[in-house]
N, C-alpha and C. Protein backbone atom coordinates (compact mmCIF):
# COMPACT_ATOMS: atom_id res chain seq x y z
N MET A 1 134.78 203.27 16.86
CA MET A 1 135.56 202.28 17.64
C MET A 1 136.70 201.98 16.82
N ARG A 2 136.75 201.45 15.30
CA ARG A 2 137.48 200.69 14.10
C ARG A 2 138.29 202.02 14.60
N PHE A 3 138.57 203.00 14.03
CA PHE A 3 139.58 204.18 14.53
C PHE A 3 140.63 204.37 15.51
N LEU A 4 139.41 204.03 16.66
CA LEU A 4 140.07 203.91 18.00
C LEU A 4 141.08 203.04 18.27
N ASN A 5 140.95 201.80 17.41
CA ASN A 5 142.09 200.71 18.16
C ASN A 5 142.95 200.66 16.71
N ARG A 6 142.43 200.94 15.73
CA ARG A 6 143.53 201.62 14.70
C ARG A 6 144.57 202.24 15.38
N GLY A 7 144.10 203.49 16.07
CA GLY A 7 144.84 204.32 16.35
C GLY A 7 145.87 204.08 17.28
N LEU A 8 145.27 203.27 18.54
CA LEU A 8 145.95 202.56 19.46
C LEU A 8 147.36 201.68 18.77
N SER A 9 146.91 200.81 17.70
CA SER A 9 147.73 200.36 17.76
C SER A 9 148.95 200.70 16.75
N HIS A 10 148.69 201.39 16.48
CA HIS A 10 149.77 202.81 15.42
C HIS A 10 150.72 203.58 15.96
N GLY A 11 149.93 204.08 16.82
CA GLY A 11 150.11 205.36 17.59
C GLY A 11 150.28 205.43 18.85
N ALA A 12 150.78 206.42 19.52
CA ALA A 12 150.74 206.84 21.24
C ALA A 12 149.44 206.78 21.57
N MET A 13 149.46 206.64 22.92
CA MET A 13 147.78 206.23 23.26
C MET A 13 147.89 207.89 23.71
N SER A 14 148.70 208.77 24.30
CA SER A 14 148.71 210.13 24.93
C SER A 14 147.88 210.79 23.47
N ALA A 15 147.93 210.64 22.14
CA ALA A 15 147.46 211.27 21.02
C ALA A 15 146.13 210.66 21.34
N VAL A 16 146.02 209.43 20.59
CA VAL A 16 145.05 208.71 20.41
C VAL A 16 143.62 209.25 21.34
N VAL A 17 143.39 208.44 22.74
CA VAL A 17 142.61 208.57 23.38
C VAL A 17 141.93 210.28 23.92
N PRO A 18 142.89 211.40 23.98
CA PRO A 18 141.77 212.44 24.40
C PRO A 18 141.29 212.53 23.03
N VAL A 19 141.40 212.59 21.92
CA VAL A 19 141.06 212.87 20.47
C VAL A 19 139.82 211.70 20.35
N SER A 20 139.86 211.05 20.70
CA SER A 20 138.87 209.74 20.56
C SER A 20 137.79 209.89 21.56
N ALA A 21 138.00 210.46 23.11
CA ALA A 21 136.74 210.91 23.60
C ALA A 21 136.36 212.21 23.36
N ALA A 22 136.74 213.31 22.89
CA ALA A 22 136.39 214.53 22.72
C ALA A 22 135.28 214.33 21.41
N THR A 23 136.00 213.03 20.44
CA THR A 23 134.83 213.17 19.02
C THR A 23 133.49 211.87 19.66
N GLY A 24 133.78 211.24 20.57
CA GLY A 24 133.11 210.17 20.98
C GLY A 24 131.63 210.94 21.92
N VAL A 25 132.08 211.87 22.58
CA VAL A 25 131.18 212.59 23.31
C VAL A 25 130.74 214.01 22.33
N ALA A 26 130.80 214.57 21.71
CA ALA A 26 130.90 215.58 20.33
C ALA A 26 129.02 215.39 20.49
N PRO A 27 129.14 214.21 18.65
CA PRO A 27 128.03 213.99 18.72
C PRO A 27 126.61 213.72 19.55
N SER A 28 126.96 213.38 20.90
CA SER A 28 125.57 213.06 21.65
C SER A 28 125.45 214.60 22.28
N VAL A 29 125.90 215.01 22.57
CA VAL A 29 126.36 216.25 23.31
C VAL A 29 125.14 217.32 21.73
N LEU A 30 125.86 217.39 20.57
CA LEU A 30 125.37 218.22 19.37
C LEU A 30 123.61 217.32 19.44
N CYS A 31 123.51 216.15 19.13
CA CYS A 31 122.12 215.80 19.07
C CYS A 31 121.36 216.20 20.22
N GLY A 32 121.50 215.64 21.87
CA GLY A 32 120.72 216.62 22.33
C GLY A 32 120.26 218.06 22.52
N VAL A 33 121.48 218.82 21.91
CA VAL A 33 120.90 220.03 21.82
C VAL A 33 119.66 220.73 20.91
N LEU A 34 120.92 220.07 19.58
CA LEU A 34 120.22 220.41 18.32
C LEU A 34 118.71 219.35 17.90
N LEU A 35 118.79 218.12 18.19
CA LEU A 35 117.50 217.84 17.87
C LEU A 35 116.37 217.39 18.83
N LEU A 36 117.10 217.58 20.35
CA LEU A 36 116.23 216.73 21.33
C LEU A 36 115.64 218.35 22.03
N GLY A 37 116.53 219.53 22.25
CA GLY A 37 116.20 220.56 22.76
C GLY A 37 116.93 220.44 23.65
N ASP A 38 117.40 219.83 24.07
CA ASP A 38 118.39 219.74 26.18
C ASP A 38 119.02 221.60 26.09
N ARG A 39 118.89 221.70 27.35
CA ARG A 39 119.71 222.47 27.50
C ARG A 39 120.33 222.67 28.50
N PRO A 40 122.10 222.54 28.64
CA PRO A 40 122.57 222.29 29.29
C PRO A 40 122.77 222.77 30.80
N GLY A 41 123.08 222.37 31.72
CA GLY A 41 123.09 223.74 32.56
C GLY A 41 124.39 224.15 32.93
N ALA A 42 124.64 225.64 34.07
CA ALA A 42 126.35 225.89 33.91
C ALA A 42 127.30 225.42 33.73
N LEU A 43 127.01 224.73 34.86
CA LEU A 43 128.61 223.69 34.98
C LEU A 43 128.78 222.58 33.95
N ALA A 44 127.31 222.09 33.16
CA ALA A 44 128.21 221.03 31.93
C ALA A 44 128.56 222.17 30.83
N ARG A 45 128.13 223.16 31.07
CA ARG A 45 128.40 224.25 29.53
C ARG A 45 129.55 224.48 30.02
N ALA A 46 129.86 224.78 31.53
CA ALA A 46 131.52 225.28 31.51
C ALA A 46 132.91 223.74 31.65
N GLY A 47 132.31 222.75 31.89
CA GLY A 47 132.60 221.52 31.16
C GLY A 47 133.40 221.12 29.71
N THR A 48 132.06 221.67 28.76
CA THR A 48 132.33 221.53 27.75
C THR A 48 133.36 222.51 27.30
N ALA A 49 133.11 223.73 27.82
CA ALA A 49 134.05 224.94 26.94
C ALA A 49 135.56 224.08 27.95
N VAL A 50 135.94 223.49 28.72
CA VAL A 50 137.47 223.67 29.48
C VAL A 50 137.53 222.10 28.58
N THR A 51 136.94 221.29 28.11
CA THR A 51 137.59 220.11 27.95
C THR A 51 137.49 219.74 25.81
N GLY A 52 136.81 220.61 25.50
CA GLY A 52 136.01 220.73 24.35
C GLY A 52 137.68 220.95 23.64
N PRO A 53 138.50 222.28 23.91
CA PRO A 53 139.84 222.31 23.45
C PRO A 53 141.13 221.40 23.56
N ALA A 54 141.02 220.79 24.60
CA ALA A 54 142.27 219.77 25.14
C ALA A 54 142.71 218.79 24.08
N PRO A 55 141.89 218.37 23.13
CA PRO A 55 142.32 217.28 22.22
C PRO A 55 143.34 218.16 21.00
């Protein structure tokens, strides 16, 4: 959160917000898959594949 606020105060929001959104979600997904054994469905995998390279 610290880096998000710092980036928003110094840079363009169009660059900071997508990067922070992707990096904020990635650890949750990885923990769920790797540590908890969750298996996302086809729609979730497609959404991850589409939004992953967005930033």
